[in-house]
Amino acid sequence: MISIKYKLENAGWATVTIGNGTTQERFGVSYLHDSLKELAASAIKIKRKTDESVIFMEEPGEIKLLLKRSQETKLNFELRWYKDWASWNMISENDYEVIMTGETTVSSYVNQVRNVLIKIHDEIGPELYKEKWIEHEFPITEYEELK
């Protein structure tokens, strides 16, 4: 099963913790990429049976969470570490280290993302989120669809 925690830190920074039931990995997340919105959108798209990925940008480097439907209700995931920003073509998409793999259900993934959004919405709110996250608004449309 997958576990996802996302915590806003000081202005422009968050921490994401992703687990597979055996281990957990924690990473810094920069405001340079709208990771929370991409995470929320991935849950919506996964429900519609598409494969997805989510970028969590560090400075430097990035984490990429790949999500692939394996069956009607099953989802395989892989967490990749890039030493630089592959999403900005600063390193090859093929130059990564796999740091975690796992299997979960579609509903478990969607619920993990939903819980992240609800917690941020209830504890921080959209206005303070925008103040802390600087470049990006709280993903209210995705939040409304997932809650």
Foldseek 3Di string as FASTA:
>chain_A
DKAWAWAFDAAQKIKIWIDAVPDIDIDIAGLVDPQLLQLLVQLVVVLVPDKGKTWGQDVAWIKIWTWHDPDPFKIKIWIWIDRGDVVVVPDPPPRIDTDDIHMDTSVVSLVNSLVNLVCCCVPQNQVNCCVRSVPDTRNVVSNVVSD
